[in-house]
Amino acid sequence: MGKVDERVYGQVLDLGEAIVYQEGSIVSQTLIGKPEGTVTAFAFVEGEGLSEHTAPFDAFVYVTEGEVDVSLAGQVHRLNAGQAIVMPADVPHALSAVTAFKMLLVMIKSAGEA
C-alpha cells in the first residue's frame, strides 16, 4: 500500500484525479491509514489485476471509473463506475481489470483485529 499523503487532509478531492494510471503497474495511494482501518485509492490499467487472496478484514470496494471483474468466493461480479461490493473477511477474492479502472478500497478492522 502507498504511504498516507497527509496533504489530502481537509482538501476537496476529485477521485478521478487523485490517482493516475501507470502502464504495467497497479498504483495505490493511501488516503487514510489508521489502526481501525484504511481508505486507499487504486488505479489499474486494462489487463492488470490481483490474484486470488484473502484478507483478515471486511472490505468495501467502490469503483469510481472503468470496469472490473471481482471474483468473490468463486462467483464473478462485473462492476462499473458508481457500483460497489462488500467483501467479507477471510473470503477468497480476486480483481481483473476489464478496462482501465479506479477504485476506493475501505478496509475496516474491528477492535479485536487491530
PDB file of N, CA and C in Angstrom:
ATOM      1  N   MET A   1       0.831  -1.170   0.000  1.00  0.00           N
ATOM      2  CA  MET A   1       0.000   0.000   0.000  1.00  0.00           C
ATOM      3  C   MET A   1       0.882   1.242   0.000  1.00  0.00           C
ATOM      4  N   GLY A   2       0.363   2.293  -0.622  1.00  0.00           N
ATOM      5  CA  GLY A   2       1.100   3.542  -0.644  1.00  0.00           C
ATOM      6  C   GLY A   2       1.071   4.215   0.718  1.00  0.00           C
ATOM      7  N   LYS A   3       2.041   5.089   0.960  1.00  0.00           N
ATOM      8  CA  LYS A   3       2.129   5.838   2.202  1.00  0.00           C
ATOM      9  C   LYS A   3       1.004   6.879   2.262  1.00  0.00           C
ATOM     10  N   VAL A   4       0.524   7.168   3.464  1.00  0.00           N
ATOM     11  CA  VAL A   4      -0.528   8.166   3.638  1.00  0.00           C
ATOM     12  C   VAL A   4       0.017   9.534   3.232  1.00  0.00           C
ATOM     13  N   ASP A   5      -0.736  10.223   2.395  1.00  0.00           N
ATOM     14  CA  ASP A   5      -0.373  11.566   1.952  1.00  0.00           C
ATOM     15  C   ASP A   5      -1.192  12.562   2.773  1.00  0.00           C
ATOM     16  N   GLU A   6      -0.606  13.103   3.817  1.00  0.00           N
ATOM     17  CA  GLU A   6      -1.342  13.991   4.723  1.00  0.00           C
ATOM     18  C   GLU A   6      -1.748  15.295   4.057  1.00  0.00           C
ATOM     19  N   ARG A   7      -1.232  15.581   2.858  1.00  0.00           N
ATOM     20  CA  ARG A   7      -1.646  16.789   2.143  1.00  0.00           C
ATOM     21  C   ARG A   7      -3.107  16.712   1.718  1.00  0.00           C
ATOM     22  N   VAL A   8      -3.722  15.531   1.736  1.00  0.00           N
ATOM     23  CA  VAL A   8      -5.125  15.408   1.343  1.00  0.00           C
ATOM     24  C   VAL A   8      -6.066  15.786   2.483  1.00  0.00           C
ATOM     25  N   TYR A   9      -5.565  15.857   3.709  1.00  0.00           N
ATOM     26  CA  TYR A   9      -6.414  16.186   4.851  1.00  0.00           C
ATOM     27  C   TYR A   9      -7.015  17.577   4.673  1.00  0.00           C
ATOM     28  N   GLY A  10      -8.319  17.679   4.815  1.00  0.00           N
ATOM     29  CA  GLY A  10      -9.003  18.951   4.723  1.00  0.00           C
ATOM     30  C   GLY A  10      -9.153  19.483   3.312  1.00  0.00           C
ATOM     31  N   GLN A  11      -8.796  18.690   2.307  1.00  0.00           N
ATOM     32  CA  GLN A  11      -8.865  19.126   0.920  1.00  0.00           C
ATOM     33  C   GLN A  11     -10.018  18.424   0.204  1.00  0.00           C
ATOM     34  N   VAL A  12     -10.633  19.119  -0.737  1.00  0.00           N
ATOM     35  CA  VAL A  12     -11.640  18.504  -1.591  1.00  0.00           C
ATOM     36  C   VAL A  12     -10.902  17.686  -2.631  1.00  0.00           C
ATOM     37  N   LEU A  13     -11.256  16.405  -2.751  1.00  0.00           N
ATOM     38  CA  LEU A  13     -10.573  15.512  -3.684  1.00  0.00           C
ATOM     39  C   LEU A  13     -11.462  15.188  -4.874  1.00  0.00           C
ATOM     40  N   ASP A  14     -10.891  15.228  -6.042  1.00  0.00           N
ATOM     41  CA  ASP A  14     -11.529  14.702  -7.244  1.00  0.00           C
ATOM     42  C   ASP A  14     -10.955  13.297  -7.391  1.00  0.00           C
ATOM     43  N   LEU A  15     -11.762  12.281  -7.072  1.00  0.00           N
ATOM     44  CA  LEU A  15     -11.232  10.920  -7.059  1.00  0.00           C
ATOM     45  C   LEU A  15     -10.733  10.478  -8.427  1.00  0.00           C
ATOM     46  N   GLY A  16     -11.262  11.056  -9.497  1.00  0.00           N
ATOM     47  CA  GLY A  16     -10.770  10.735 -10.828  1.00  0.00           C
ATOM     48  C   GLY A  16      -9.364  11.233 -11.056  1.00  0.00           C
ATOM     49  N   GLU A  17      -8.969  12.258 -10.314  1.00  0.00           N
ATOM     50  CA  GLU A  17      -7.636  12.832 -10.478  1.00  0.00           C
ATOM     51  C   GLU A  17      -6.717  12.542  -9.294  1.00  0.00           C
ATOM     52  N   ALA A  18      -7.242  11.962  -8.224  1.00  0.00           N
ATOM     53  CA  ALA A  18      -6.442  11.720  -7.025  1.00  0.00           C
ATOM     54  C   ALA A  18      -5.331  10.703  -7.277  1.00  0.00           C
ATOM     55  N   ILE A  19      -5.527   9.866  -8.272  1.00  0.00           N
ATOM     56  CA  ILE A  19      -4.533   8.845  -8.600  1.00  0.00           C
ATOM     57  C   ILE A  19      -4.554   8.651 -10.116  1.00  0.00           C
ATOM     58  N   VAL A  20      -3.392   8.398 -10.706  1.00  0.00           N
ATOM     59  CA  VAL A  20      -3.291   8.291 -12.161  1.00  0.00           C
ATOM     60  C   VAL A  20      -2.832   6.896 -12.567  1.00  0.00           C
ATOM     61  N   TYR A  21      -3.213   6.506 -13.780  1.00  0.00           N
ATOM     62  CA  TYR A  21      -2.807   5.215 -14.319  1.00  0.00           C
ATOM     63  C   TYR A  21      -1.321   5.232 -14.647  1.00  0.00           C
ATOM     64  N   GLN A  22      -0.694   4.065 -14.498  1.00  0.00           N
ATOM     65  CA  GLN A  22       0.705   3.896 -14.867  1.00  0.00           C
ATOM     66  C   GLN A  22       0.820   2.560 -15.582  1.00  0.00           C
ATOM     67  N   GLU A  23       1.199   2.604 -16.855  1.00  0.00           N
ATOM     68  CA  GLU A  23       1.270   1.397 -17.674  1.00  0.00           C
ATOM     69  C   GLU A  23       2.129   0.330 -17.000  1.00  0.00           C
ATOM     70  N   GLY A  24       1.595  -0.897 -16.983  1.00  0.00           N
ATOM     71  CA  GLY A  24       2.346  -2.033 -16.458  1.00  0.00           C
ATOM     72  C   GLY A  24       2.354  -2.164 -14.950  1.00  0.00           C
ATOM     73  N   SER A  25       1.558  -1.352 -14.256  1.00  0.00           N
ATOM     74  CA  SER A  25       1.561  -1.477 -12.804  1.00  0.00           C
ATOM     75  C   SER A  25       0.211  -1.081 -12.217  1.00  0.00           C
ATOM     76  N   ILE A  26       0.056  -1.415 -10.960  1.00  0.00           N
ATOM     77  CA  ILE A  26      -1.109  -1.021 -10.186  1.00  0.00           C
ATOM     78  C   ILE A  26      -0.640   0.094  -9.261  1.00  0.00           C
ATOM     79  N   VAL A  27      -1.318   1.218  -9.299  1.00  0.00           N
ATOM     80  CA  VAL A  27      -0.923   2.369  -8.499  1.00  0.00           C
ATOM     81  C   VAL A  27      -1.886   2.485  -7.318  1.00  0.00           C
ATOM     82  N   SER A  28      -1.334   2.763  -6.137  1.00  0.00           N
ATOM     83  CA  SER A  28      -2.190   2.952  -4.972  1.00  0.00           C
ATOM     84  C   SER A  28      -1.722   4.151  -4.174  1.00  0.00           C
ATOM     85  N   GLN A  29      -2.680   4.781  -3.504  1.00  0.00           N
ATOM     86  CA  GLN A  29      -2.391   5.910  -2.619  1.00  0.00           C
ATOM     87  C   GLN A  29      -3.303   5.804  -1.409  1.00  0.00           C
ATOM     88  N   THR A  30      -2.702   5.615  -0.240  1.00  0.00           N
ATOM     89  CA  THR A  30      -3.481   5.542   0.985  1.00  0.00           C
ATOM     90  C   THR A  30      -3.896   6.947   1.380  1.00  0.00           C
ATOM     91  N   LEU A  31      -5.204   7.159   1.470  1.00  0.00           N
ATOM     92  CA  LEU A  31      -5.739   8.467   1.832  1.00  0.00           C
ATOM     93  C   LEU A  31      -5.924   8.590   3.338  1.00  0.00           C
ATOM     94  N   ILE A  32      -6.318   7.497   3.973  1.00  0.00           N
ATOM     95  CA  ILE A  32      -6.433   7.437   5.431  1.00  0.00           C
ATOM     96  C   ILE A  32      -5.833   6.110   5.868  1.00  0.00           C
ATOM     97  N   GLY A  33      -4.957   6.158   6.826  1.00  0.00           N
ATOM     98  CA  GLY A  33      -4.339   4.944   7.349  1.00  0.00           C
ATOM     99  C   GLY A  33      -4.333   4.983   8.863  1.00  0.00           C
ATOM    100  N   LYS A  34      -5.238   4.279   9.459  1.00  0.00           N
ATOM    101  CA  LYS A  34      -5.386   4.258  10.915  1.00  0.00           C
ATOM    102  C   LYS A  34      -5.409   2.803  11.377  1.00  0.00           C
ATOM    103  N   PRO A  35      -5.118   2.556  12.664  1.00  0.00           N
ATOM    104  CA  PRO A  35      -5.199   1.182  13.170  1.00  0.00           C
ATOM    105  C   PRO A  35      -6.588   0.566  12.975  1.00  0.00           C
ATOM    106  N   GLU A  36      -7.636   1.414  12.955  1.00  0.00           N
ATOM    107  CA  GLU A  36      -9.000   0.917  12.816  1.00  0.00           C
ATOM    108  C   GLU A  36      -9.387   0.602  11.378  1.00  0.00           C
ATOM    109  N   GLY A  37      -8.600   1.096  10.415  1.00  0.00           N
ATOM    110  CA  GLY A  37      -8.900   0.833   9.016  1.00  0.00           C
ATOM    111  C   GLY A  37      -8.191   1.789   8.082  1.00  0.00           C
ATOM    112  N   THR A  38      -8.357   1.535   6.782  1.00  0.00           N
ATOM    113  CA  THR A  38      -7.704   2.352   5.773  1.00  0.00           C
ATOM    114  C   THR A  38      -8.681   2.689   4.651  1.00  0.00           C
ATOM    115  N   VAL A  39      -8.382   3.790   3.963  1.00  0.00           N
ATOM    116  CA  VAL A  39      -9.056   4.154   2.729  1.00  0.00           C
ATOM    117  C   VAL A  39      -7.942   4.358   1.708  1.00  0.00           C
ATOM    118  N   THR A  40      -7.979   3.562   0.639  1.00  0.00           N
ATOM    119  CA  THR A  40      -6.915   3.602  -0.358  1.00  0.00           C
ATOM    120  C   THR A  40      -7.509   3.725  -1.746  1.00  0.00           C
ATOM    121  N   ALA A  41      -6.958   4.631  -2.556  1.00  0.00           N
ATOM    122  CA  ALA A  41      -7.349   4.775  -3.956  1.00  0.00           C
ATOM    123  C   ALA A  41      -6.408   3.924  -4.799  1.00  0.00           C
ATOM    124  N   PHE A  42      -6.963   3.244  -5.791  1.00  0.00           N
ATOM    125  CA  PHE A  42      -6.183   2.397  -6.699  1.00  0.00           C
ATOM    126  C   PHE A  42      -6.485   2.764  -8.141  1.00  0.00           C
ATOM    127  N   ALA A  43      -5.495   2.580  -9.010  1.00  0.00           N
ATOM    128  CA  ALA A  43      -5.673   2.709 -10.460  1.00  0.00           C
ATOM    129  C   ALA A  43      -5.044   1.486 -11.114  1.00  0.00           C
ATOM    130  N   PHE A  44      -5.827   0.770 -11.904  1.00  0.00           N
ATOM    131  CA  PHE A  44      -5.379  -0.423 -12.623  1.00  0.00           C
ATOM    132  C   PHE A  44      -5.505  -0.151 -14.116  1.00  0.00           C
ATOM    133  N   VAL A  45      -4.477  -0.477 -14.893  1.00  0.00           N
ATOM    134  CA  VAL A  45      -4.620  -0.398 -16.346  1.00  0.00           C
ATOM    135  C   VAL A  45      -5.314  -1.674 -16.820  1.00  0.00           C
ATOM    136  N   GLU A  46      -5.895  -1.614 -18.011  1.00  0.00           N
ATOM    137  CA  GLU A  46      -6.588  -2.771 -18.573  1.00  0.00           C
ATOM    138  C   GLU A  46      -5.676  -3.988 -18.548  1.00  0.00           C
ATOM    139  N   GLY A  47      -6.232  -5.124 -18.114  1.00  0.00           N
ATOM    140  CA  GLY A  47      -5.482  -6.376 -18.079  1.00  0.00           C
ATOM    141  C   GLY A  47      -4.749  -6.639 -16.774  1.00  0.00           C
ATOM    142  N   GLU A  48      -4.579  -5.626 -15.938  1.00  0.00           N
ATOM    143  CA  GLU A  48      -3.924  -5.827 -14.641  1.00  0.00           C
ATOM    144  C   GLU A  48      -4.935  -6.383 -13.652  1.00  0.00           C
ATOM    145  N   GLY A  49      -4.450  -6.899 -12.541  1.00  0.00           N
ATOM    146  CA  GLY A  49      -5.360  -7.408 -11.536  1.00  0.00           C
ATOM    147  C   GLY A  49      -4.634  -7.879 -10.307  1.00  0.00           C
ATOM    148  N   LEU A  50      -5.391  -8.424  -9.391  1.00  0.00           N
ATOM    149  CA  LEU A  50      -4.849  -9.039  -8.186  1.00  0.00           C
ATOM    150  C   LEU A  50      -5.309 -10.487  -8.177  1.00  0.00           C
ATOM    151  N   SER A  51      -4.356 -11.400  -8.009  1.00  0.00           N
ATOM    152  CA  SER A  51      -4.705 -12.817  -7.980  1.00  0.00           C
ATOM    153  C   SER A  51      -5.495 -13.130  -6.711  1.00  0.00           C
ATOM    154  N   GLU A  52      -6.121 -14.297  -6.719  1.00  0.00           N
ATOM    155  CA  GLU A  52      -6.976 -14.670  -5.595  1.00  0.00           C
ATOM    156  C   GLU A  52      -6.192 -14.674  -4.288  1.00  0.00           C
ATOM    157  N   HIS A  53      -6.790 -14.060  -3.292  1.00  0.00           N
ATOM    158  CA  HIS A  53      -6.196 -13.982  -1.967  1.00  0.00           C
ATOM    159  C   HIS A  53      -7.315 -13.758  -0.951  1.00  0.00           C
ATOM    160  N   THR A  54      -6.949 -13.770   0.313  1.00  0.00           N
ATOM    161  CA  THR A  54      -7.901 -13.439   1.364  1.00  0.00           C
ATOM    162  C   THR A  54      -7.336 -12.282   2.177  1.00  0.00           C
ATOM    163  N   ALA A  55      -8.195 -11.618   2.920  1.00  0.00           N
ATOM    164  CA  ALA A  55      -7.787 -10.555   3.830  1.00  0.00           C
ATOM    165  C   ALA A  55      -8.485 -10.788   5.157  1.00  0.00           C
ATOM    166  N   PRO A  56      -7.816 -10.457   6.245  1.00  0.00           N
ATOM    167  CA  PRO A  56      -8.408 -10.724   7.558  1.00  0.00           C
ATOM    168  C   PRO A  56      -9.453  -9.704   7.988  1.00  0.00           C
ATOM    169  N   PHE A  57      -9.793  -8.756   7.096  1.00  0.00           N
ATOM    170  CA  PHE A  57     -10.728  -7.688   7.443  1.00  0.00           C
ATOM    171  C   PHE A  57     -11.821  -7.568   6.393  1.00  0.00           C
ATOM    172  N   ASP A  58     -12.984  -7.071   6.795  1.00  0.00           N
ATOM    173  CA  ASP A  58     -14.026  -6.733   5.834  1.00  0.00           C
ATOM    174  C   ASP A  58     -13.526  -5.600   4.948  1.00  0.00           C
ATOM    175  N   ALA A  59     -13.941  -5.606   3.689  1.00  0.00           N
ATOM    176  CA  ALA A  59     -13.517  -4.569   2.750  1.00  0.00           C
ATOM    177  C   ALA A  59     -14.700  -4.109   1.912  1.00  0.00           C
ATOM    178  N   PHE A  60     -14.688  -2.824   1.577  1.00  0.00           N
ATOM    179  CA  PHE A  60     -15.698  -2.204   0.724  1.00  0.00           C
ATOM    180  C   PHE A  60     -14.961  -1.655  -0.490  1.00  0.00           C
ATOM    181  N   VAL A  61     -15.342  -2.118  -1.672  1.00  0.00           N
ATOM    182  CA  VAL A  61     -14.731  -1.657  -2.919  1.00  0.00           C
ATOM    183  C   VAL A  61     -15.762  -0.820  -3.663  1.00  0.00           C
ATOM    184  N   TYR A  62     -15.378   0.420  -3.998  1.00  0.00           N
ATOM    185  CA  TYR A  62     -16.232   1.323  -4.754  1.00  0.00           C
ATOM    186  C   TYR A  62     -15.496   1.710  -6.034  1.00  0.00           C
ATOM    187  N   VAL A  63     -16.083   1.379  -7.177  1.00  0.00           N
ATOM    188  CA  VAL A  63     -15.465   1.670  -8.470  1.00  0.00           C
ATOM    189  C   VAL A  63     -15.815   3.098  -8.867  1.00  0.00           C
ATOM    190  N   THR A  64     -14.802   3.913  -9.091  1.00  0.00           N
ATOM    191  CA  THR A  64     -15.022   5.314  -9.451  1.00  0.00           C
ATOM    192  C   THR A  64     -14.915   5.551 -10.951  1.00  0.00           C
ATOM    193  N   GLU A  65     -14.311   4.608 -11.672  1.00  0.00           N
ATOM    194  CA  GLU A  65     -14.079   4.792 -13.107  1.00  0.00           C
ATOM    195  C   GLU A  65     -13.790   3.429 -13.728  1.00  0.00           C
ATOM    196  N   GLY A  66     -14.312   3.166 -14.912  1.00  0.00           N
ATOM    197  CA  GLY A  66     -13.985   1.950 -15.643  1.00  0.00           C
ATOM    198  C   GLY A  66     -14.810   0.741 -15.252  1.00  0.00           C
ATOM    199  N   GLU A  67     -14.232  -0.454 -15.525  1.00  0.00           N
ATOM    200  CA  GLU A  67     -14.959  -1.706 -15.349  1.00  0.00           C
ATOM    201  C   GLU A  67     -14.003  -2.786 -14.850  1.00  0.00           C
ATOM    202  N   VAL A  68     -14.453  -3.572 -13.872  1.00  0.00           N
ATOM    203  CA  VAL A  68     -13.618  -4.607 -13.259  1.00  0.00           C
ATOM    204  C   VAL A  68     -14.457  -5.847 -12.971  1.00  0.00           C
ATOM    205  N   ASP A  69     -13.829  -7.008 -13.118  1.00  0.00           N
ATOM    206  CA  ASP A  69     -14.431  -8.259 -12.666  1.00  0.00           C
ATOM    207  C   ASP A  69     -13.878  -8.560 -11.281  1.00  0.00           C
ATOM    208  N   VAL A  70     -14.786  -8.728 -10.333  1.00  0.00           N
ATOM    209  CA  VAL A  70     -14.419  -9.081  -8.964  1.00  0.00           C
ATOM    210  C   VAL A  70     -14.903 -10.503  -8.720  1.00  0.00           C
ATOM    211  N   SER A  71     -13.967 -11.388  -8.441  1.00  0.00           N
ATOM    212  CA  SER A  71     -14.303 -12.759  -8.091  1.00  0.00           C
ATOM    213  C   SER A  71     -14.368 -12.834  -6.572  1.00  0.00           C
ATOM    214  N   LEU A  72     -15.500 -13.284  -6.060  1.00  0.00           N
ATOM    215  CA  LEU A  72     -15.702 -13.377  -4.620  1.00  0.00           C
ATOM    216  C   LEU A  72     -16.242 -14.767  -4.317  1.00  0.00           C
ATOM    217  N   ALA A  73     -15.451 -15.561  -3.620  1.00  0.00           N
ATOM    218  CA  ALA A  73     -15.822 -16.945  -3.297  1.00  0.00           C
ATOM    219  C   ALA A  73     -16.186 -17.720  -4.563  1.00  0.00           C
ATOM    220  N   GLY A  74     -15.443 -17.455  -5.650  1.00  0.00           N
ATOM    221  CA  GLY A  74     -15.641 -18.191  -6.894  1.00  0.00           C
ATOM    222  C   GLY A  74     -16.711 -17.627  -7.814  1.00  0.00           C
ATOM    223  N   GLN A  75     -17.472 -16.646  -7.367  1.00  0.00           N
ATOM    224  CA  GLN A  75     -18.506 -16.029  -8.201  1.00  0.00           C
ATOM    225  C   GLN A  75     -17.986 -14.696  -8.732  1.00  0.00           C
ATOM    226  N   VAL A  76     -18.092 -14.502 -10.057  1.00  0.00           N
ATOM    227  CA  VAL A  76     -17.594 -13.275 -10.684  1.00  0.00           C
ATOM    228  C   VAL A  76     -18.701 -12.229 -10.764  1.00  0.00           C
ATOM    229  N   HIS A  77     -18.355 -11.021 -10.343  1.00  0.00           N
ATOM    230  CA  HIS A  77     -19.262  -9.874 -10.381  1.00  0.00           C
ATOM    231  C   HIS A  77     -18.597  -8.803 -11.235  1.00  0.00           C
ATOM    232  N   ARG A  78     -19.284  -8.322 -12.260  1.00  0.00           N
ATOM    233  CA  ARG A  78     -18.754  -7.230 -13.077  1.00  0.00           C
ATOM    234  C   ARG A  78     -19.267  -5.914 -12.501  1.00  0.00           C
ATOM    235  N   LEU A  79     -18.333  -5.048 -12.102  1.00  0.00           N
ATOM    236  CA  LEU A  79     -18.676  -3.750 -11.535  1.00  0.00           C
ATOM    237  C   LEU A  79     -18.255  -2.640 -12.485  1.00  0.00           C
ATOM    238  N   ASN A  80     -19.108  -1.632 -12.591  1.00  0.00           N
ATOM    239  CA  ASN A  80     -18.853  -0.443 -13.387  1.00  0.00           C
ATOM    240  C   ASN A  80     -18.781   0.761 -12.467  1.00  0.00           C
ATOM    241  N   ALA A  81     -18.325   1.886 -13.016  1.00  0.00           N
ATOM    242  CA  ALA A  81     -18.244   3.129 -12.237  1.00  0.00           C
ATOM    243  C   ALA A  81     -19.552   3.391 -11.513  1.00  0.00           C
ATOM    244  N   GLY A  82     -19.441   3.721 -10.233  1.00  0.00           N
ATOM    245  CA  GLY A  82     -20.608   4.000  -9.419  1.00  0.00           C
ATOM    246  C   GLY A  82     -21.134   2.798  -8.664  1.00  0.00           C
ATOM    247  N   GLN A  83     -20.565   1.611  -8.908  1.00  0.00           N
ATOM    248  CA  GLN A  83     -21.014   0.410  -8.209  1.00  0.00           C
ATOM    249  C   GLN A  83     -20.000  -0.005  -7.150  1.00  0.00           C
ATOM    250  N   ALA A  84     -20.461  -0.799  -6.193  1.00  0.00           N
ATOM    251  CA  ALA A  84     -19.623  -1.213  -5.075  1.00  0.00           C
ATOM    252  C   ALA A  84     -19.933  -2.653  -4.701  1.00  0.00           C
ATOM    253  N   ILE A  85     -19.019  -3.250  -3.955  1.00  0.00           N
ATOM    254  CA  ILE A  85     -19.226  -4.595  -3.422  1.00  0.00           C
ATOM    255  C   ILE A  85     -18.565  -4.667  -2.054  1.00  0.00           C
ATOM    256  N   VAL A  86     -19.188  -5.421  -1.150  1.00  0.00           N
ATOM    257  CA  VAL A  86     -18.617  -5.663   0.172  1.00  0.00           C
ATOM    258  C   VAL A  86     -18.005  -7.052   0.161  1.00  0.00           C
ATOM    259  N   MET A  87     -16.743  -7.130   0.570  1.00  0.00           N
ATOM    260  CA  MET A  87     -16.035  -8.407   0.610  1.00  0.00           C
ATOM    261  C   MET A  87     -15.789  -8.771   2.069  1.00  0.00           C
ATOM    262  N   PRO A  88     -16.412  -9.850   2.546  1.00  0.00           N
ATOM    263  CA  PRO A  88     -16.239 -10.247   3.943  1.00  0.00           C
ATOM    264  C   PRO A  88     -14.819 -10.738   4.225  1.00  0.00           C
ATOM    265  N   ALA A  89     -14.402 -10.590   5.446  1.00  0.00           N
ATOM    266  CA  ALA A  89     -13.094 -11.080   5.880  1.00  0.00           C
ATOM    267  C   ALA A  89     -12.953 -12.569   5.586  1.00  0.00           C
ATOM    268  N   ASP A  90     -11.738 -12.962   5.226  1.00  0.00           N
ATOM    269  CA  ASP A  90     -11.349 -14.365   5.044  1.00  0.00           C
ATOM    270  C   ASP A  90     -12.038 -15.082   3.889  1.00  0.00           C
ATOM    271  N   VAL A  91     -12.701 -14.355   2.987  1.00  0.00           N
ATOM    272  CA  VAL A  91     -13.328 -14.950   1.811  1.00  0.00           C
ATOM    273  C   VAL A  91     -12.408 -14.708   0.610  1.00  0.00           C
ATOM    274  N   PRO A  92     -12.047 -15.766  -0.132  1.00  0.00           N
ATOM    275  CA  PRO A  92     -11.150 -15.584  -1.279  1.00  0.00           C
ATOM    276  C   PRO A  92     -11.752 -14.627  -2.316  1.00  0.00           C
ATOM    277  N   HIS A  93     -10.904 -13.715  -2.812  1.00  0.00           N
ATOM    278  CA  HIS A  93     -11.352 -12.765  -3.825  1.00  0.00           C
ATOM    279  C   HIS A  93     -10.190 -12.414  -4.751  1.00  0.00           C
ATOM    280  N   ALA A  94     -10.539 -11.912  -5.937  1.00  0.00           N
ATOM    281  CA  ALA A  94      -9.550 -11.502  -6.932  1.00  0.00           C
ATOM    282  C   ALA A  94     -10.155 -10.372  -7.756  1.00  0.00           C
ATOM    283  N   LEU A  95      -9.293  -9.592  -8.410  1.00  0.00           N
ATOM    284  CA  LEU A  95      -9.732  -8.490  -9.259  1.00  0.00           C
ATOM    285  C   LEU A  95      -9.065  -8.610 -10.616  1.00  0.00           C
ATOM    286  N   SER A  96      -9.817  -8.301 -11.680  1.00  0.00           N
ATOM    287  CA  SER A  96      -9.276  -8.306 -13.038  1.00  0.00           C
ATOM    288  C   SER A  96      -9.853  -7.115 -13.796  1.00  0.00           C
ATOM    289  N   ALA A  97      -8.976  -6.225 -14.267  1.00  0.00           N
ATOM    290  CA  ALA A  97      -9.412  -5.014 -14.956  1.00  0.00           C
ATOM    291  C   ALA A  97      -9.914  -5.344 -16.355  1.00  0.00           C
ATOM    292  N   VAL A  98     -11.212  -5.165 -16.582  1.00  0.00           N
ATOM    293  CA  VAL A  98     -11.806  -5.344 -17.908  1.00  0.00           C
ATOM    294  C   VAL A  98     -11.384  -4.170 -18.787  1.00  0.00           C
ATOM    295  N   THR A  99     -11.442  -2.973 -18.216  1.00  0.00           N
ATOM    296  CA  THR A  99     -10.912  -1.747 -18.819  1.00  0.00           C
ATOM    297  C   THR A  99     -10.019  -1.123 -17.746  1.00  0.00           C
ATOM    298  N   ALA A 100      -9.323  -0.072 -18.082  1.00  0.00           N
ATOM    299  CA  ALA A 100      -8.636   0.672 -17.035  1.00  0.00           C
ATOM    300  C   ALA A 100      -9.709   1.081 -16.027  1.00  0.00           C
ATOM    301  N   PHE A 101      -9.399   0.941 -14.747  1.00  0.00           N
ATOM    302  CA  PHE A 101     -10.397   1.318 -13.747  1.00  0.00           C
ATOM    303  C   PHE A 101      -9.719   1.862 -12.501  1.00  0.00           C
ATOM    304  N   LYS A 102     -10.517   2.643 -11.755  1.00  0.00           N
ATOM    305  CA  LYS A 102     -10.072   3.180 -10.476  1.00  0.00           C
ATOM    306  C   LYS A 102     -11.075   2.782  -9.418  1.00  0.00           C
ATOM    307  N   MET A 103     -10.574   2.602  -8.205  1.00  0.00           N
ATOM    308  CA  MET A 103     -11.459   2.209  -7.118  1.00  0.00           C
ATOM    309  C   MET A 103     -10.973   2.769  -5.801  1.00  0.00           C
ATOM    310  N   LEU A 104     -11.892   2.845  -4.866  1.00  0.00           N
ATOM    311  CA  LEU A 104     -11.572   3.122  -3.476  1.00  0.00           C
ATOM    312  C   LEU A 104     -11.760   1.828  -2.706  1.00  0.00           C
ATOM    313  N   LEU A 105     -10.774   1.499  -1.894  1.00  0.00           N
ATOM    314  CA  LEU A 105     -10.847   0.318  -1.043  1.00  0.00           C
ATOM    315  C   LEU A 105     -10.890   0.812   0.401  1.00  0.00           C
ATOM    316  N   VAL A 106     -11.967   0.448   1.099  1.00  0.00           N
ATOM    317  CA  VAL A 106     -12.109   0.797   2.513  1.00  0.00           C
ATOM    318  C   VAL A 106     -12.011  -0.505   3.290  1.00  0.00           C
ATOM    319  N   MET A 107     -10.978  -0.599   4.126  1.00  0.00           N
ATOM    320  CA  MET A 107     -10.766  -1.774   4.972  1.00  0.00           C
ATOM    321  C   MET A 107     -11.162  -1.400   6.394  1.00  0.00           C
ATOM    322  N   ILE A 108     -12.019  -2.207   6.997  1.00  0.00           N
ATOM    323  CA  ILE A 108     -12.482  -1.957   8.358  1.00  0.00           C
ATOM    324  C   ILE A 108     -11.948  -3.064   9.261  1.00  0.00           C
ATOM    325  N   LYS A 109     -11.273  -2.645  10.311  1.00  0.00           N
ATOM    326  CA  LYS A 109     -10.737  -3.605  11.291  1.00  0.00           C
ATOM    327  C   LYS A 109     -11.514  -3.435  12.590  1.00  0.00           C
ATOM    328  N   SER A 110     -11.905  -4.528  13.197  1.00  0.00           N
ATOM    329  CA  SER A 110     -12.589  -4.419  14.495  1.00  0.00           C
ATOM    330  C   SER A 110     -11.531  -4.228  15.567  1.00  0.00           C
ATOM    331  N   ALA A 111     -11.964  -3.792  16.727  1.00  0.00           N
ATOM    332  CA  ALA A 111     -11.033  -3.552  17.831  1.00  0.00           C
ATOM    333  C   ALA A 111     -10.237  -4.806  18.157  1.00  0.00           C
ATOM    334  N   GLY A 112     -10.834  -5.979  17.987  1.00  0.00           N
ATOM    335  CA  GLY A 112     -10.137  -7.219  18.292  1.00  0.00           C
ATOM    336  C   GLY A 112      -9.148  -7.636  17.214  1.00  0.00           C
ATOM    337  N   GLU A 113      -9.196  -6.989  16.032  1.00  0.00           N
ATOM    338  CA  GLU A 113      -8.309  -7.370  14.934  1.00  0.00           C
ATOM    339  C   GLU A 113      -7.159  -6.390  14.729  1.00  0.00           C
ATOM    340  N   ALA A 114      -7.144  -5.284  15.421  1.00  0.00           N
ATOM    341  CA  ALA A 114      -6.133  -4.243  15.191  1.00  0.00           C
ATOM    342  C   ALA A 114      -4.745  -4.713  15.509  1.00  0.00           C
TER     343      ALA A 114
END
